[in-house]
Amino acid sequence: MDMQTSFLDRLFESGLLIDTGVDGLYGRSGQFEDVITAFERLIDKFGGADGAEAMRFPPGMNRALFEKSGYMKSFPQLAGTVHSFCGSELDHMNLLQCMEVGDDWTEGQQATDIVLTPAACYPLYPTIAKRGNLPAKGGLFDLQSYCFRHEPSKDPARQQLFRMREYVCMGTESHVTDFRQRWMDRGVEMMKQVGLKVVIDVANDPFFGRGGKMMVNNQRDQNLKFELLIPITSAAKPTACMSFNYHQDSFGLKWDLNLEDGSVAHTACVGFGLERIALALFHHHGLDVTEWPANVRKTLWG
């Protein structure tokens, strides 16, 4: 925790991150954004020739589709919903009185039809399902979105609102697992080019409750999730900066994603935690980008 707080304090003092008074909710400086923009160009360099269809969704998604996704079954502790005032004029007066005396004014808030996006790919699956069967070559999609996960922390690499860049592949089992392996190899090479030493290891999602323990074991036993790990605030517990996920046919079944021949599509995705990658670069190369190694600067800015 001390290392996390120390690094966070240095980021605040340098102005790279801006304190909002809420753990895990930070503003970013122009320099911080410039690093993310540069790294996204590197992602494009590695993946651009694949011909992915680019889509950009807002950081909120349809609540009904969110409910259908099953996210609340697996990760209720991370979800964020959007509530609004829907009362009368009298209710409004009562709300203002509550705020005046410091009482809880949120009791009268009602859930809207929007929830905060938990992962960039969640709005994609129902969108593609509406198109009908996938073409013979399957589908490949390029996504980027702010995402929300309710896990406040002093660790600057564990933010509540953060950006995720993703490529999602839909097709046959062999097609999507080849895609995942290709991006695991690319991920190692990308990080090598920006001077970051990494480890790839089998991983699991933070499934909730006793039932989640079985899902964790299944996910790990079947090698469905790998993470690219880089030390940021702890050498003993490096941070996941990329993830490589094979969903089998679970999303295909849930969203009626079918191939040209009518068979159920398999899906896989690669995710980049953009803030985490930027933090890894600042941690390893220093908080002043003008002093970063020349080869790293050349890779990112030419």
Protein backbone atom coordinates (compact mmCIF):
# COMPACT_ATOMS: atom_id res chain seq x y z
CA MET A 1 0.00 0.00 0.00
CA ASP A 2 2.88 2.39 0.81
CA MET A 3 4.36 1.91 -2.66
CA GLN A 4 0.94 2.51 -4.22
CA THR A 5 0.35 5.69 -2.20
CA SER A 6 3.88 6.93 -2.85
CA PHE A 7 3.54 6.52 -6.62
CA LEU A 8 0.08 8.11 -6.54
CA ASP A 9 1.42 11.10 -4.60
CA ARG A 10 4.23 11.54 -7.13
CA LEU A 11 1.71 11.43 -9.98
CA PHE A 12 -0.37 14.11 -8.24
CA GLU A 13 2.69 16.27 -7.49
CA SER A 14 3.87 16.08 -11.10
CA GLY A 15 0.40 16.97 -12.38
CA LEU A 16 0.14 13.82 -14.49
CA LEU A 17 -2.94 12.78 -12.50
CA ILE A 18 -5.39 15.23 -10.94
CA ASP A 19 -6.91 14.47 -7.55
CA THR A 20 -10.73 14.66 -7.44
CA GLY A 21 -11.11 13.60 -3.82
CA VAL A 22 -12.41 10.13 -4.76
CA ASP A 23 -10.07 7.14 -4.84
CA GLY A 24 -9.79 5.78 -8.36
CA LEU A 25 -11.35 8.84 -10.03
CA TYR A 26 -8.68 11.06 -11.52
CA GLY A 27 -8.19 13.78 -14.06
CA ARG A 28 -5.35 13.37 -16.54
CA SER A 29 -2.87 15.95 -17.80
CA GLY A 30 -2.19 16.66 -21.45
CA GLN A 31 1.11 14.81 -21.12
CA PHE A 32 -0.61 11.73 -19.73
CA GLU A 33 -3.11 11.81 -22.60
CA ASP A 34 -0.31 12.24 -25.13
CA VAL A 35 1.27 8.98 -23.93
CA ILE A 36 -2.04 7.14 -24.30
CA THR A 37 -2.58 8.60 -27.78
CA ALA A 38 0.93 7.54 -28.79
CA PHE A 39 0.43 4.02 -27.47
CA GLU A 40 -2.87 3.72 -29.33
CA ARG A 41 -1.00 4.57 -32.52
CA LEU A 42 1.31 1.65 -31.71
CA ILE A 43 -1.73 -0.60 -31.28
CA ASP A 44 -2.95 0.55 -34.70
CA LYS A 45 0.46 -0.19 -36.18
CA PHE A 46 0.30 -3.80 -34.97
CA GLY A 47 -3.39 -4.43 -35.62
CA GLY A 48 -4.39 -2.01 -38.36
CA ALA A 49 -3.67 -4.34 -41.27
CA ASP A 50 -6.10 -6.93 -39.87
CA GLY A 51 -9.02 -4.89 -41.21
CA ALA A 52 -11.10 -4.68 -38.01
CA GLU A 53 -14.33 -2.70 -38.13
CA ALA A 54 -14.00 0.24 -35.73
CA MET A 55 -16.85 1.13 -33.38
CA ARG A 56 -16.93 3.58 -30.48
CA PHE A 57 -19.68 3.31 -27.86
CA PRO A 58 -20.35 5.78 -25.02
CA PRO A 59 -19.43 4.81 -21.44
CA GLY A 60 -23.05 3.88 -20.74
CA MET A 61 -25.09 1.00 -22.17
CA ASN A 62 -28.70 -0.19 -22.42
CA ARG A 63 -29.73 -1.51 -18.97
CA ALA A 64 -31.89 -4.29 -20.46
CA LEU A 65 -28.94 -5.57 -22.49
CA PHE A 66 -26.68 -5.27 -19.45
CA GLU A 67 -29.16 -7.41 -17.47
CA LYS A 68 -29.25 -10.01 -20.24
CA SER A 69 -25.44 -10.16 -20.32
CA GLY A 70 -25.38 -11.86 -16.91
CA TYR A 71 -22.84 -9.40 -15.50
CA MET A 72 -24.79 -9.04 -12.24
CA LYS A 73 -24.65 -12.80 -11.72
CA SER A 74 -20.86 -12.82 -11.85
CA PHE A 75 -19.68 -9.34 -10.82
CA PRO A 76 -22.37 -7.49 -8.83
CA GLN A 77 -19.67 -5.86 -6.68
CA LEU A 78 -18.20 -4.03 -9.70
CA ALA A 79 -21.34 -2.76 -11.43
CA GLY A 80 -22.39 0.88 -11.63
CA THR A 81 -25.93 2.03 -12.43
CA VAL A 82 -27.16 5.49 -13.41
CA HIS A 83 -29.94 6.91 -11.23
CA SER A 84 -31.84 10.19 -11.63
CA PHE A 85 -34.43 12.29 -9.83
CA CYS A 86 -37.91 11.39 -11.09
CA GLY A 87 -40.08 12.95 -8.38
CA SER A 88 -42.60 15.76 -7.97
CA GLU A 89 -42.03 19.36 -6.94
CA LEU A 90 -42.65 18.36 -3.32
CA ASP A 91 -40.13 15.56 -3.65
CA HIS A 92 -37.67 18.11 -4.97
CA MET A 93 -38.19 20.33 -1.94
CA ASN A 94 -37.63 17.35 0.35
CA LEU A 95 -34.47 16.47 -1.55
CA LEU A 96 -33.10 20.00 -1.10
CA GLN A 97 -33.92 19.91 2.61
CA CYS A 98 -32.05 16.62 2.97
CA MET A 99 -29.02 18.12 1.25
CA GLU A 100 -29.24 21.22 3.45
CA VAL A 101 -29.00 19.22 6.70
CA GLY A 102 -26.61 16.57 5.39
CA ASP A 103 -29.11 13.70 5.21
CA ASP A 104 -29.09 11.07 2.45
CA TRP A 105 -30.68 12.80 -0.55
CA THR A 106 -30.22 9.80 -2.86
CA GLU A 107 -33.09 7.68 -1.49
CA GLY A 108 -35.57 9.10 -4.00
CA GLN A 109 -33.33 8.51 -7.00
CA GLN A 110 -34.63 5.95 -9.50
CA ALA A 111 -32.71 3.72 -11.89
CA THR A 112 -32.60 4.96 -15.48
CA ASP A 113 -32.35 2.82 -18.61
CA ILE A 114 -28.57 3.34 -18.62
CA VAL A 115 -25.82 1.50 -16.73
CA LEU A 116 -22.12 2.30 -16.82
CA THR A 117 -20.24 0.16 -19.34
CA PRO A 118 -18.21 -2.52 -17.50
CA ALA A 119 -16.08 -3.53 -20.51
CA ALA A 120 -15.73 -2.02 -23.97
CA CYS A 121 -17.06 -5.15 -25.71
CA TYR A 122 -20.37 -5.46 -23.84
CA PRO A 123 -22.44 -3.28 -26.22
CA LEU A 124 -20.89 -4.99 -29.25
CA TYR A 125 -22.42 -8.46 -29.03
CA PRO A 126 -26.12 -7.46 -29.23
CA THR A 127 -25.23 -4.91 -31.92
CA ILE A 128 -23.66 -7.55 -34.16
CA ALA A 129 -26.41 -10.09 -33.40
CA LYS A 130 -28.99 -7.70 -34.88
CA ARG A 131 -27.21 -7.88 -38.23
CA GLY A 132 -27.93 -11.59 -38.63
CA ASN A 133 -25.47 -14.36 -39.39
CA LEU A 134 -21.80 -13.45 -39.55
CA PRO A 135 -20.02 -13.73 -42.92
CA ALA A 136 -17.90 -16.77 -43.74
CA LYS A 137 -14.74 -15.04 -42.52
CA GLY A 138 -16.34 -14.22 -39.16
CA GLY A 139 -16.03 -10.77 -37.64
CA LEU A 140 -13.26 -8.57 -36.24
CA PHE A 141 -13.99 -5.37 -34.33
CA ASP A 142 -11.93 -2.53 -32.89
CA LEU A 143 -13.38 -0.87 -29.77
CA GLN A 144 -12.40 1.78 -27.23
CA SER A 145 -14.46 3.09 -24.33
CA TYR A 146 -14.33 4.44 -20.82
CA CYS A 147 -15.41 1.64 -18.47
CA PHE A 148 -16.53 1.62 -14.84
CA ARG A 149 -15.78 -0.84 -12.06
CA HIS A 150 -16.60 -0.08 -8.45
CA GLU A 151 -13.34 -0.91 -6.70
CA PRO A 152 -12.00 2.28 -5.07
CA SER A 153 -8.30 1.99 -4.26
CA LYS A 154 -5.19 4.02 -3.52
CA ASP A 155 -3.46 2.01 -6.25
CA PRO A 156 -3.30 4.39 -9.24
CA ALA A 157 -3.41 1.35 -11.53
CA ARG A 158 -6.83 0.34 -10.14
CA GLN A 159 -9.11 3.13 -11.28
CA GLN A 160 -12.90 3.19 -11.19
CA LEU A 161 -13.27 4.96 -14.55
CA PHE A 162 -10.67 3.97 -17.11
CA ARG A 163 -10.25 3.37 -20.82
CA MET A 164 -10.16 -0.01 -22.45
CA ARG A 165 -9.09 -0.63 -26.04
CA GLU A 166 -10.23 -3.96 -27.42
CA TYR A 167 -10.16 -6.15 -30.46
CA VAL A 168 -12.97 -8.71 -30.55
CA CYS A 169 -12.93 -11.69 -32.90
CA MET A 170 -15.97 -13.81 -33.81
CA GLY A 171 -15.75 -17.04 -35.78
CA THR A 172 -14.89 -20.71 -35.40
CA GLU A 173 -13.00 -22.05 -32.40
CA SER A 174 -9.72 -22.33 -34.29
CA HIS A 175 -10.17 -18.89 -35.87
CA VAL A 176 -10.65 -17.05 -32.58
CA THR A 177 -8.02 -19.00 -30.61
CA ASP A 178 -5.48 -18.28 -33.37
CA PHE A 179 -6.45 -14.60 -33.06
CA ARG A 180 -5.85 -14.72 -29.31
CA GLN A 181 -2.43 -16.37 -29.66
CA ARG A 182 -1.42 -13.87 -32.34
CA TRP A 183 -2.19 -10.98 -29.99
CA MET A 184 -0.36 -12.63 -27.09
CA ASP A 185 2.75 -12.69 -29.28
CA ARG A 186 2.13 -9.13 -30.44
CA GLY A 187 1.59 -7.90 -26.90
CA VAL A 188 5.01 -9.14 -25.79
CA GLU A 189 6.65 -7.52 -28.82
CA MET A 190 4.82 -4.21 -28.33
CA MET A 191 5.94 -3.94 -24.72
CA LYS A 192 9.50 -4.87 -25.72
CA GLN A 193 9.51 -1.97 -28.17
CA VAL A 194 8.57 0.48 -25.39
CA GLY A 195 11.12 -0.93 -22.94
CA LEU A 196 8.78 -2.83 -20.61
CA LYS A 197 9.57 -6.31 -19.29
CA VAL A 198 6.45 -8.47 -19.06
CA VAL A 199 5.20 -11.87 -18.01
CA ILE A 200 2.15 -13.62 -19.46
CA ASP A 201 0.29 -15.85 -17.04
CA VAL A 202 -3.02 -17.70 -16.78
CA ALA A 203 -5.61 -15.64 -14.92
CA ASN A 204 -9.23 -15.42 -13.83
CA ASP A 205 -11.93 -12.79 -13.51
CA PRO A 206 -13.04 -11.66 -10.00
CA PHE A 207 -16.20 -13.77 -9.85
CA PHE A 208 -18.41 -13.04 -6.83
CA GLY A 209 -19.37 -15.33 -3.97
CA ARG A 210 -19.06 -19.05 -3.33
CA GLY A 211 -20.42 -19.95 -6.75
CA GLY A 212 -17.74 -17.74 -8.25
CA LYS A 213 -14.99 -19.98 -6.88
CA MET A 214 -16.10 -22.78 -9.21
CA MET A 215 -16.12 -20.37 -12.15
CA VAL A 216 -12.61 -19.20 -11.24
CA ASN A 217 -11.37 -22.80 -11.21
CA ASN A 218 -13.05 -23.61 -14.53
CA GLN A 219 -11.65 -20.49 -16.17
CA ARG A 220 -8.11 -21.26 -15.03
CA ASP A 221 -8.28 -24.99 -15.71
CA GLN A 222 -9.37 -24.39 -19.30
CA ASN A 223 -6.84 -21.57 -19.91
CA LEU A 224 -9.64 -19.24 -20.98
CA LYS A 225 -7.93 -16.09 -19.71
CA PHE A 226 -4.34 -14.92 -19.85
CA GLU A 227 -2.93 -11.60 -18.67
CA LEU A 228 0.17 -9.64 -19.61
CA LEU A 229 1.65 -8.48 -16.30
CA ILE A 230 3.94 -5.51 -15.65
CA PRO A 231 5.20 -4.36 -12.23
CA ILE A 232 3.84 -0.88 -11.45
CA THR A 233 3.28 -0.54 -7.71
CA SER A 234 4.48 -4.01 -6.71
CA ALA A 235 7.14 -6.34 -8.06
CA ALA A 236 5.58 -9.27 -6.19
CA LYS A 237 2.11 -8.57 -7.58
CA PRO A 238 2.53 -7.12 -11.08
CA THR A 239 -0.41 -5.38 -12.73
CA ALA A 240 -2.46 -6.83 -15.59
CA CYS A 241 -2.06 -4.38 -18.49
CA MET A 242 -3.45 -6.60 -21.24
CA SER A 243 -5.84 -9.55 -21.16
CA PHE A 244 -6.45 -12.29 -23.71
CA ASN A 245 -9.81 -13.99 -23.34
CA TYR A 246 -11.46 -16.95 -25.06
CA HIS A 247 -15.20 -17.06 -24.32
CA GLN A 248 -15.84 -20.34 -26.14
CA ASP A 249 -19.44 -20.19 -27.47
CA SER A 250 -20.89 -18.54 -24.34
CA PHE A 251 -21.53 -15.14 -25.92
CA GLY A 252 -22.58 -16.77 -29.17
CA LEU A 253 -25.29 -18.71 -27.34
CA LYS A 254 -26.35 -15.78 -25.17
CA TRP A 255 -26.69 -13.27 -28.02
CA ASP A 256 -27.60 -15.64 -30.91
CA LEU A 257 -24.37 -14.94 -32.75
CA ASN A 258 -24.22 -17.44 -35.59
CA LEU A 259 -21.83 -18.14 -38.44
CA GLU A 260 -22.84 -18.25 -42.11
CA ASP A 261 -23.67 -21.97 -41.86
CA GLY A 262 -25.89 -21.40 -38.81
CA SER A 263 -23.45 -22.79 -36.24
CA VAL A 264 -22.87 -20.87 -33.03
CA ALA A 265 -19.99 -18.40 -33.16
CA HIS A 266 -17.06 -18.59 -30.76
CA THR A 267 -15.57 -15.30 -29.56
CA ALA A 268 -12.29 -14.04 -28.15
CA CYS A 269 -10.98 -10.62 -27.24
CA VAL A 270 -7.77 -8.82 -26.41
CA GLY A 271 -8.01 -5.86 -24.05
CA PHE A 272 -5.53 -3.05 -23.39
CA GLY A 273 -5.79 -1.15 -20.10
CA LEU A 274 -4.68 2.21 -21.49
CA GLU A 275 -4.21 4.03 -18.18
CA ARG A 276 -2.32 1.06 -16.77
CA ILE A 277 0.04 0.94 -19.74
CA ALA A 278 0.69 4.67 -19.43
CA LEU A 279 1.35 4.26 -15.70
CA ALA A 280 3.75 1.39 -16.42
CA LEU A 281 5.67 3.62 -18.81
CA PHE A 282 5.84 6.48 -16.30
CA HIS A 283 6.87 4.10 -13.51
CA HIS A 284 9.67 2.46 -15.49
CA HIS A 285 10.96 5.42 -17.53
CA GLY A 286 10.28 8.35 -15.20
CA LEU A 287 7.63 11.06 -14.93
CA ASP A 288 9.31 13.34 -17.51
CA VAL A 289 8.82 11.93 -21.00
CA THR A 290 11.62 14.11 -22.39
CA GLU A 291 14.03 11.95 -20.38
CA TRP A 292 12.68 8.61 -21.56
CA PRO A 293 15.10 6.37 -23.53
CA ALA A 294 15.52 7.54 -27.11
CA ASN A 295 14.38 4.21 -28.59
CA VAL A 296 11.14 4.32 -26.55
CA ARG A 297 10.44 7.91 -27.62
CA LYS A 298 11.11 6.95 -31.24
CA THR A 299 8.69 4.01 -31.03
CA LEU A 300 5.94 6.18 -29.57
CA TRP A 301 6.47 9.49 -31.35
CA GLY A 302 8.72 8.75 -34.33
